[in-house]
Amino acid sequence: MKLNARVKFPNSEMKHLNKLIKLRKVGIKVDGNNLKAKMVEFVEMEKDAPKKVKAFKTTDPWRIGFCDQYDITLRVQTNKK
């Protein structure tokens, strides 16, 4: 996705991005499932929530596009000794 790509919920995505940045600064880990669950919460807070929540699905292609658009990498611990 490009930075000027059409997004269904730009306000929710910006709120979600700001929250993600705050969590990362504190040192809290964020995985893909958490990323998708929090986005649904932000979409539910919008004005036309019941209609929009049913239409919005946080799928893996959405997560990949969101991460690519804002240059986010999901980190996985590899050394689990």
PDB file of N, CA and C in Angstrom:
ATOM      1  N   MET A   1       0.837  -1.187   0.000  1.00  0.00           N
ATOM      2  CA  MET A   1       0.000   0.000   0.000  1.00  0.00           C
ATOM      3  C   MET A   1       0.877   1.245   0.000  1.00  0.00           C
ATOM      4  N   LYS A   2       0.406   2.253  -0.639  1.00  0.00           N
ATOM      5  CA  LYS A   2       1.126   3.510  -0.692  1.00  0.00           C
ATOM      6  C   LYS A   2       0.614   4.427   0.420  1.00  0.00           C
ATOM      7  N   LEU A   3       1.366   5.457   0.726  1.00  0.00           N
ATOM      8  CA  LEU A   3       0.955   6.384   1.782  1.00  0.00           C
ATOM      9  C   LEU A   3      -0.338   7.105   1.447  1.00  0.00           C
ATOM     10  N   ASN A   4      -0.618   7.331   0.201  1.00  0.00           N
ATOM     11  CA  ASN A   4      -1.848   8.016  -0.182  1.00  0.00           C
ATOM     12  C   ASN A   4      -2.931   7.032  -0.618  1.00  0.00           C
ATOM     13  N   ALA A   5      -2.815   5.777  -0.215  1.00  0.00           N
ATOM     14  CA  ALA A   5      -3.792   4.757  -0.585  1.00  0.00           C
ATOM     15  C   ALA A   5      -5.128   5.047   0.085  1.00  0.00           C
ATOM     16  N   ARG A   6      -6.199   4.631  -0.558  1.00  0.00           N
ATOM     17  CA  ARG A   6      -7.529   4.854  -0.009  1.00  0.00           C
ATOM     18  C   ARG A   6      -7.746   3.923   1.177  1.00  0.00           C
ATOM     19  N   VAL A   7      -8.152   4.487   2.290  1.00  0.00           N
ATOM     20  CA  VAL A   7      -8.338   3.739   3.516  1.00  0.00           C
ATOM     21  C   VAL A   7      -9.787   3.908   3.961  1.00  0.00           C
ATOM     22  N   LYS A   8     -10.407   2.852   4.456  1.00  0.00           N
ATOM     23  CA  LYS A   8     -11.809   2.933   4.866  1.00  0.00           C
ATOM     24  C   LYS A   8     -11.998   3.779   6.116  1.00  0.00           C
ATOM     25  N   PHE A   9     -11.095   3.663   7.056  1.00  0.00           N
ATOM     26  CA  PHE A   9     -11.236   4.353   8.337  1.00  0.00           C
ATOM     27  C   PHE A   9      -9.952   5.104   8.682  1.00  0.00           C
ATOM     28  N   PRO A  10      -9.725   6.255   8.046  1.00  0.00           N
ATOM     29  CA  PRO A  10      -8.460   6.957   8.295  1.00  0.00           C
ATOM     30  C   PRO A  10      -8.318   7.458   9.726  1.00  0.00           C
ATOM     31  N   ASN A  11      -9.402   7.936  10.335  1.00  0.00           N
ATOM     32  CA  ASN A  11      -9.323   8.434  11.717  1.00  0.00           C
ATOM     33  C   ASN A  11      -8.997   7.309  12.682  1.00  0.00           C
ATOM     34  N   SER A  12      -9.634   6.173  12.505  1.00  0.00           N
ATOM     35  CA  SER A  12      -9.375   5.029  13.374  1.00  0.00           C
ATOM     36  C   SER A  12      -7.951   4.522  13.210  1.00  0.00           C
ATOM     37  N   GLU A  13      -7.469   4.510  11.976  1.00  0.00           N
ATOM     38  CA  GLU A  13      -6.105   4.034  11.751  1.00  0.00           C
ATOM     39  C   GLU A  13      -5.073   4.968  12.380  1.00  0.00           C
ATOM     40  N   MET A  14      -5.318   6.281  12.320  1.00  0.00           N
ATOM     41  CA  MET A  14      -4.370   7.213  12.927  1.00  0.00           C
ATOM     42  C   MET A  14      -4.381   7.085  14.449  1.00  0.00           C
ATOM     43  N   LYS A  15      -5.571   6.904  15.046  1.00  0.00           N
ATOM     44  CA  LYS A  15      -5.649   6.685  16.495  1.00  0.00           C
ATOM     45  C   LYS A  15      -4.916   5.402  16.872  1.00  0.00           C
ATOM     46  N   HIS A  16      -5.117   4.387  16.062  1.00  0.00           N
ATOM     47  CA  HIS A  16      -4.498   3.092  16.324  1.00  0.00           C
ATOM     48  C   HIS A  16      -2.982   3.173  16.187  1.00  0.00           C
ATOM     49  N   LEU A  17      -2.517   3.894  15.195  1.00  0.00           N
ATOM     50  CA  LEU A  17      -1.086   4.068  14.998  1.00  0.00           C
ATOM     51  C   LEU A  17      -0.457   4.820  16.174  1.00  0.00           C
ATOM     52  N   ASN A  18      -1.114   5.879  16.636  1.00  0.00           N
ATOM     53  CA  ASN A  18      -0.601   6.632  17.784  1.00  0.00           C
ATOM     54  C   ASN A  18      -0.546   5.762  19.031  1.00  0.00           C
ATOM     55  N   LYS A  19      -1.567   4.941  19.240  1.00  0.00           N
ATOM     56  CA  LYS A  19      -1.594   4.036  20.393  1.00  0.00           C
ATOM     57  C   LYS A  19      -0.465   3.002  20.283  1.00  0.00           C
ATOM     58  N   LEU A  20      -0.253   2.495  19.093  1.00  0.00           N
ATOM     59  CA  LEU A  20       0.808   1.517  18.866  1.00  0.00           C
ATOM     60  C   LEU A  20       2.183   2.118  19.160  1.00  0.00           C
ATOM     61  N   ILE A  21       2.390   3.347  18.740  1.00  0.00           N
ATOM     62  CA  ILE A  21       3.665   4.018  18.994  1.00  0.00           C
ATOM     63  C   ILE A  21       3.876   4.205  20.497  1.00  0.00           C
ATOM     64  N   LYS A  22       2.824   4.578  21.216  1.00  0.00           N
ATOM     65  CA  LYS A  22       2.931   4.751  22.675  1.00  0.00           C
ATOM     66  C   LYS A  22       3.263   3.429  23.361  1.00  0.00           C
ATOM     67  N   LEU A  23       2.621   2.348  22.934  1.00  0.00           N
ATOM     68  CA  LEU A  23       2.888   1.039  23.535  1.00  0.00           C
ATOM     69  C   LEU A  23       4.321   0.596  23.281  1.00  0.00           C
ATOM     70  N   ARG A  24       4.806   0.837  22.089  1.00  0.00           N
ATOM     71  CA  ARG A  24       6.178   0.448  21.755  1.00  0.00           C
ATOM     72  C   ARG A  24       7.209   1.246  22.550  1.00  0.00           C
ATOM     73  N   LYS A  25       6.919   2.530  22.802  1.00  0.00           N
ATOM     74  CA  LYS A  25       7.849   3.351  23.579  1.00  0.00           C
ATOM     75  C   LYS A  25       7.970   2.844  25.009  1.00  0.00           C
ATOM     76  N   VAL A  26       6.860   2.355  25.555  1.00  0.00           N
ATOM     77  CA  VAL A  26       6.857   1.826  26.918  1.00  0.00           C
ATOM     78  C   VAL A  26       7.519   0.454  26.961  1.00  0.00           C
ATOM     79  N   GLY A  27       7.495  -0.265  25.850  1.00  0.00           N
ATOM     80  CA  GLY A  27       8.125  -1.574  25.786  1.00  0.00           C
ATOM     81  C   GLY A  27       7.141  -2.725  25.767  1.00  0.00           C
ATOM     82  N   ILE A  28       5.874  -2.425  25.545  1.00  0.00           N
ATOM     83  CA  ILE A  28       4.850  -3.472  25.489  1.00  0.00           C
ATOM     84  C   ILE A  28       4.853  -4.086  24.094  1.00  0.00           C
ATOM     85  N   LYS A  29       4.856  -5.412  24.046  1.00  0.00           N
ATOM     86  CA  LYS A  29       4.871  -6.122  22.768  1.00  0.00           C
ATOM     87  C   LYS A  29       3.484  -6.121  22.149  1.00  0.00           C
ATOM     88  N   VAL A  30       3.435  -5.968  20.845  1.00  0.00           N
ATOM     89  CA  VAL A  30       2.179  -5.975  20.101  1.00  0.00           C
ATOM     90  C   VAL A  30       2.313  -6.997  18.982  1.00  0.00           C
ATOM     91  N   ASP A  31       1.397  -7.974  18.959  1.00  0.00           N
ATOM     92  CA  ASP A  31       1.434  -8.973  17.896  1.00  0.00           C
ATOM     93  C   ASP A  31       0.305  -8.714  16.895  1.00  0.00           C
ATOM     94  N   GLY A  32       0.216  -9.540  15.883  1.00  0.00           N
ATOM     95  CA  GLY A  32      -0.771  -9.350  14.821  1.00  0.00           C
ATOM     96  C   GLY A  32      -2.200  -9.460  15.298  1.00  0.00           C
ATOM     97  N   ASN A  33      -2.484 -10.396  16.197  1.00  0.00           N
ATOM     98  CA  ASN A  33      -3.846 -10.559  16.707  1.00  0.00           C
ATOM     99  C   ASN A  33      -4.268  -9.355  17.535  1.00  0.00           C
ATOM    100  N   ASN A  34      -3.343  -8.843  18.342  1.00  0.00           N
ATOM    101  CA  ASN A  34      -3.640  -7.657  19.132  1.00  0.00           C
ATOM    102  C   ASN A  34      -3.877  -6.462  18.219  1.00  0.00           C
ATOM    103  N   LEU A  35      -3.092  -6.355  17.180  1.00  0.00           N
ATOM    104  CA  LEU A  35      -3.223  -5.265  16.222  1.00  0.00           C
ATOM    105  C   LEU A  35      -4.613  -5.267  15.590  1.00  0.00           C
ATOM    106  N   LYS A  36      -5.083  -6.450  15.190  1.00  0.00           N
ATOM    107  CA  LYS A  36      -6.397  -6.558  14.561  1.00  0.00           C
ATOM    108  C   LYS A  36      -7.523  -6.298  15.560  1.00  0.00           C
ATOM    109  N   ALA A  37      -7.400  -6.806  16.790  1.00  0.00           N
ATOM    110  CA  ALA A  37      -8.447  -6.633  17.794  1.00  0.00           C
ATOM    111  C   ALA A  37      -8.605  -5.167  18.183  1.00  0.00           C
ATOM    112  N   LYS A  38      -7.497  -4.471  18.342  1.00  0.00           N
ATOM    113  CA  LYS A  38      -7.570  -3.057  18.717  1.00  0.00           C
ATOM    114  C   LYS A  38      -8.164  -2.208  17.596  1.00  0.00           C
ATOM    115  N   MET A  39      -7.903  -2.575  16.347  1.00  0.00           N
ATOM    116  CA  MET A  39      -8.478  -1.815  15.242  1.00  0.00           C
ATOM    117  C   MET A  39      -9.987  -1.934  15.234  1.00  0.00           C
ATOM    118  N   VAL A  40     -10.507  -3.111  15.551  1.00  0.00           N
ATOM    119  CA  VAL A  40     -11.961  -3.284  15.624  1.00  0.00           C
ATOM    120  C   VAL A  40     -12.534  -2.395  16.722  1.00  0.00           C
ATOM    121  N   GLU A  41     -11.833  -2.277  17.858  1.00  0.00           N
ATOM    122  CA  GLU A  41     -12.293  -1.411  18.945  1.00  0.00           C
ATOM    123  C   GLU A  41     -12.343   0.049  18.500  1.00  0.00           C
ATOM    124  N   PHE A  42     -11.341   0.500  17.757  1.00  0.00           N
ATOM    125  CA  PHE A  42     -11.332   1.881  17.288  1.00  0.00           C
ATOM    126  C   PHE A  42     -12.432   2.131  16.267  1.00  0.00           C
ATOM    127  N   VAL A  43     -12.733   1.142  15.427  1.00  0.00           N
ATOM    128  CA  VAL A  43     -13.809   1.294  14.452  1.00  0.00           C
ATOM    129  C   VAL A  43     -15.158   1.336  15.163  1.00  0.00           C
ATOM    130  N   GLU A  44     -15.317   0.572  16.238  1.00  0.00           N
ATOM    131  CA  GLU A  44     -16.571   0.573  16.992  1.00  0.00           C
ATOM    132  C   GLU A  44     -16.853   1.931  17.632  1.00  0.00           C
ATOM    133  N   MET A  45     -15.817   2.712  17.908  1.00  0.00           N
ATOM    134  CA  MET A  45     -15.998   4.026  18.537  1.00  0.00           C
ATOM    135  C   MET A  45     -16.431   5.099  17.546  1.00  0.00           C
ATOM    136  N   GLU A  46     -16.426   4.812  16.263  1.00  0.00           N
ATOM    137  CA  GLU A  46     -16.834   5.807  15.278  1.00  0.00           C
ATOM    138  C   GLU A  46     -18.341   6.025  15.314  1.00  0.00           C
ATOM    139  N   LYS A  47     -18.804   7.089  14.655  1.00  0.00           N
ATOM    140  CA  LYS A  47     -20.211   7.507  14.720  1.00  0.00           C
ATOM    141  C   LYS A  47     -21.182   6.446  14.211  1.00  0.00           C
ATOM    142  N   ASP A  48     -20.946   5.916  13.017  1.00  0.00           N
ATOM    143  CA  ASP A  48     -21.844   4.917  12.420  1.00  0.00           C
ATOM    144  C   ASP A  48     -21.357   3.514  12.737  1.00  0.00           C
ATOM    145  N   ALA A  49     -21.123   3.247  14.006  1.00  0.00           N
ATOM    146  CA  ALA A  49     -20.470   2.005  14.419  1.00  0.00           C
ATOM    147  C   ALA A  49     -21.183   0.721  13.985  1.00  0.00           C
ATOM    148  N   PRO A  50     -22.472   0.534  14.247  1.00  0.00           N
ATOM    149  CA  PRO A  50     -23.073  -0.770  13.910  1.00  0.00           C
ATOM    150  C   PRO A  50     -22.940  -1.146  12.434  1.00  0.00           C
ATOM    151  N   LYS A  51     -23.125  -0.191  11.543  1.00  0.00           N
ATOM    152  CA  LYS A  51     -23.023  -0.492  10.112  1.00  0.00           C
ATOM    153  C   LYS A  51     -21.578  -0.757   9.709  1.00  0.00           C
ATOM    154  N   LYS A  52     -20.666   0.049  10.234  1.00  0.00           N
ATOM    155  CA  LYS A  52     -19.275  -0.050   9.819  1.00  0.00           C
ATOM    156  C   LYS A  52     -18.589  -1.296  10.360  1.00  0.00           C
ATOM    157  N   VAL A  53     -18.919  -1.686  11.577  1.00  0.00           N
ATOM    158  CA  VAL A  53     -18.260  -2.852  12.175  1.00  0.00           C
ATOM    159  C   VAL A  53     -18.607  -4.111  11.403  1.00  0.00           C
ATOM    160  N   LYS A  54     -19.846  -4.220  10.959  1.00  0.00           N
ATOM    161  CA  LYS A  54     -20.248  -5.393  10.193  1.00  0.00           C
ATOM    162  C   LYS A  54     -19.532  -5.438   8.843  1.00  0.00           C
ATOM    163  N   ALA A  55     -19.266  -4.271   8.264  1.00  0.00           N
ATOM    164  CA  ALA A  55     -18.628  -4.220   6.952  1.00  0.00           C
ATOM    165  C   ALA A  55     -17.112  -4.365   7.044  1.00  0.00           C
ATOM    166  N   PHE A  56     -16.536  -4.051   8.192  1.00  0.00           N
ATOM    167  CA  PHE A  56     -15.082  -4.058   8.333  1.00  0.00           C
ATOM    168  C   PHE A  56     -14.608  -5.388   8.886  1.00  0.00           C
ATOM    169  N   LYS A  57     -13.638  -5.977   8.206  1.00  0.00           N
ATOM    170  CA  LYS A  57     -13.052  -7.233   8.665  1.00  0.00           C
ATOM    171  C   LYS A  57     -11.543  -7.054   8.731  1.00  0.00           C
ATOM    172  N   THR A  58     -10.982  -7.335   9.899  1.00  0.00           N
ATOM    173  CA  THR A  58      -9.533  -7.219  10.050  1.00  0.00           C
ATOM    174  C   THR A  58      -8.913  -8.555   9.653  1.00  0.00           C
ATOM    175  N   THR A  59      -8.577  -8.670   8.403  1.00  0.00           N
ATOM    176  CA  THR A  59      -7.979  -9.884   7.881  1.00  0.00           C
ATOM    177  C   THR A  59      -6.467  -9.716   7.804  1.00  0.00           C
ATOM    178  N   ASP A  60      -5.780 -10.786   7.478  1.00  0.00           N
ATOM    179  CA  ASP A  60      -4.332 -10.704   7.347  1.00  0.00           C
ATOM    180  C   ASP A  60      -3.890  -9.750   6.240  1.00  0.00           C
ATOM    181  N   PRO A  61      -4.573  -9.711   5.087  1.00  0.00           N
ATOM    182  CA  PRO A  61      -4.177  -8.702   4.087  1.00  0.00           C
ATOM    183  C   PRO A  61      -4.330  -7.270   4.612  1.00  0.00           C
ATOM    184  N   TRP A  62      -5.346  -7.010   5.443  1.00  0.00           N
ATOM    185  CA  TRP A  62      -5.476  -5.678   6.043  1.00  0.00           C
ATOM    186  C   TRP A  62      -4.285  -5.399   6.948  1.00  0.00           C
ATOM    187  N   ARG A  63      -3.927  -6.376   7.782  1.00  0.00           N
ATOM    188  CA  ARG A  63      -2.815  -6.199   8.716  1.00  0.00           C
ATOM    189  C   ARG A  63      -1.511  -5.954   7.970  1.00  0.00           C
ATOM    190  N   ILE A  64      -1.279  -6.724   6.916  1.00  0.00           N
ATOM    191  CA  ILE A  64      -0.062  -6.566   6.127  1.00  0.00           C
ATOM    192  C   ILE A  64      -0.029  -5.188   5.467  1.00  0.00           C
ATOM    193  N   GLY A  65      -1.162  -4.753   4.927  1.00  0.00           N
ATOM    194  CA  GLY A  65      -1.229  -3.437   4.301  1.00  0.00           C
ATOM    195  C   GLY A  65      -1.018  -2.317   5.303  1.00  0.00           C
ATOM    196  N   PHE A  66      -1.604  -2.446   6.491  1.00  0.00           N
ATOM    197  CA  PHE A  66      -1.440  -1.446   7.548  1.00  0.00           C
ATOM    198  C   PHE A  66       0.023  -1.354   7.963  1.00  0.00           C
ATOM    199  N   CYS A  67       0.651  -2.502   8.152  1.00  0.00           N
ATOM    200  CA  CYS A  67       2.060  -2.522   8.562  1.00  0.00           C
ATOM    201  C   CYS A  67       2.962  -1.969   7.459  1.00  0.00           C
ATOM    202  N   ASP A  68       2.688  -2.291   6.216  1.00  0.00           N
ATOM    203  CA  ASP A  68       3.494  -1.775   5.111  1.00  0.00           C
ATOM    204  C   ASP A  68       3.316  -0.269   4.952  1.00  0.00           C
ATOM    205  N   GLN A  69       2.086   0.189   5.106  1.00  0.00           N
ATOM    206  CA  GLN A  69       1.799   1.599   4.908  1.00  0.00           C
ATOM    207  C   GLN A  69       2.522   2.475   5.929  1.00  0.00           C
ATOM    208  N   TYR A  70       2.577   2.041   7.174  1.00  0.00           N
ATOM    209  CA  TYR A  70       3.179   2.841   8.233  1.00  0.00           C
ATOM    210  C   TYR A  70       4.553   2.324   8.652  1.00  0.00           C
ATOM    211  N   ASP A  71       5.134   1.414   7.866  1.00  0.00           N
ATOM    212  CA  ASP A  71       6.480   0.885   8.102  1.00  0.00           C
ATOM    213  C   ASP A  71       6.612   0.274   9.504  1.00  0.00           C
ATOM    214  N   ILE A  72       5.698  -0.624   9.822  1.00  0.00           N
ATOM    215  CA  ILE A  72       5.687  -1.323  11.107  1.00  0.00           C
ATOM    216  C   ILE A  72       6.142  -2.755  10.866  1.00  0.00           C
ATOM    217  N   THR A  73       7.004  -3.235  11.729  1.00  0.00           N
ATOM    218  CA  THR A  73       7.410  -4.634  11.658  1.00  0.00           C
ATOM    219  C   THR A  73       6.963  -5.319  12.935  1.00  0.00           C
ATOM    220  N   LEU A  74       6.366  -6.482  12.785  1.00  0.00           N
ATOM    221  CA  LEU A  74       5.976  -7.272  13.943  1.00  0.00           C
ATOM    222  C   LEU A  74       7.141  -8.161  14.305  1.00  0.00           C
ATOM    223  N   ARG A  75       7.597  -8.033  15.516  1.00  0.00           N
ATOM    224  CA  ARG A  75       8.793  -8.744  15.937  1.00  0.00           C
ATOM    225  C   ARG A  75       8.425 -10.056  16.600  1.00  0.00           C
ATOM    226  N   VAL A  76       9.222 -11.062  16.325  1.00  0.00           N
ATOM    227  CA  VAL A  76       9.013 -12.385  16.912  1.00  0.00           C
ATOM    228  C   VAL A  76      10.319 -12.792  17.593  1.00  0.00           C
ATOM    229  N   GLN A  77      10.192 -13.256  18.830  1.00  0.00           N
ATOM    230  CA  GLN A  77      11.368 -13.703  19.542  1.00  0.00           C
ATOM    231  C   GLN A  77      11.814 -15.040  18.961  1.00  0.00           C
ATOM    232  N   THR A  78      13.080 -15.110  18.569  1.00  0.00           N
ATOM    233  CA  THR A  78      13.576 -16.332  17.942  1.00  0.00           C
ATOM    234  C   THR A  78      14.413 -17.172  18.896  1.00  0.00           C
ATOM    235  N   ASN A  79      15.089 -16.578  19.833  1.00  0.00           N
ATOM    236  CA  ASN A  79      15.928 -17.310  20.758  1.00  0.00           C
ATOM    237  C   ASN A  79      15.168 -17.522  22.059  1.00  0.00           C
ATOM    238  N   LYS A  80      14.559 -18.682  22.236  1.00  0.00           N
ATOM    239  CA  LYS A  80      13.714 -18.942  23.396  1.00  0.00           C
ATOM    240  C   LYS A  80      14.376 -19.928  24.362  1.00  0.00           C
ATOM    241  N   LYS A  81      15.642 -19.706  24.666  1.00  0.00           N
ATOM    242  CA  LYS A  81      16.355 -20.615  25.553  1.00  0.00           C
ATOM    243  C   LYS A  81      15.882 -20.508  26.985  1.00  0.00           C
TER     244      LYS A  81
END
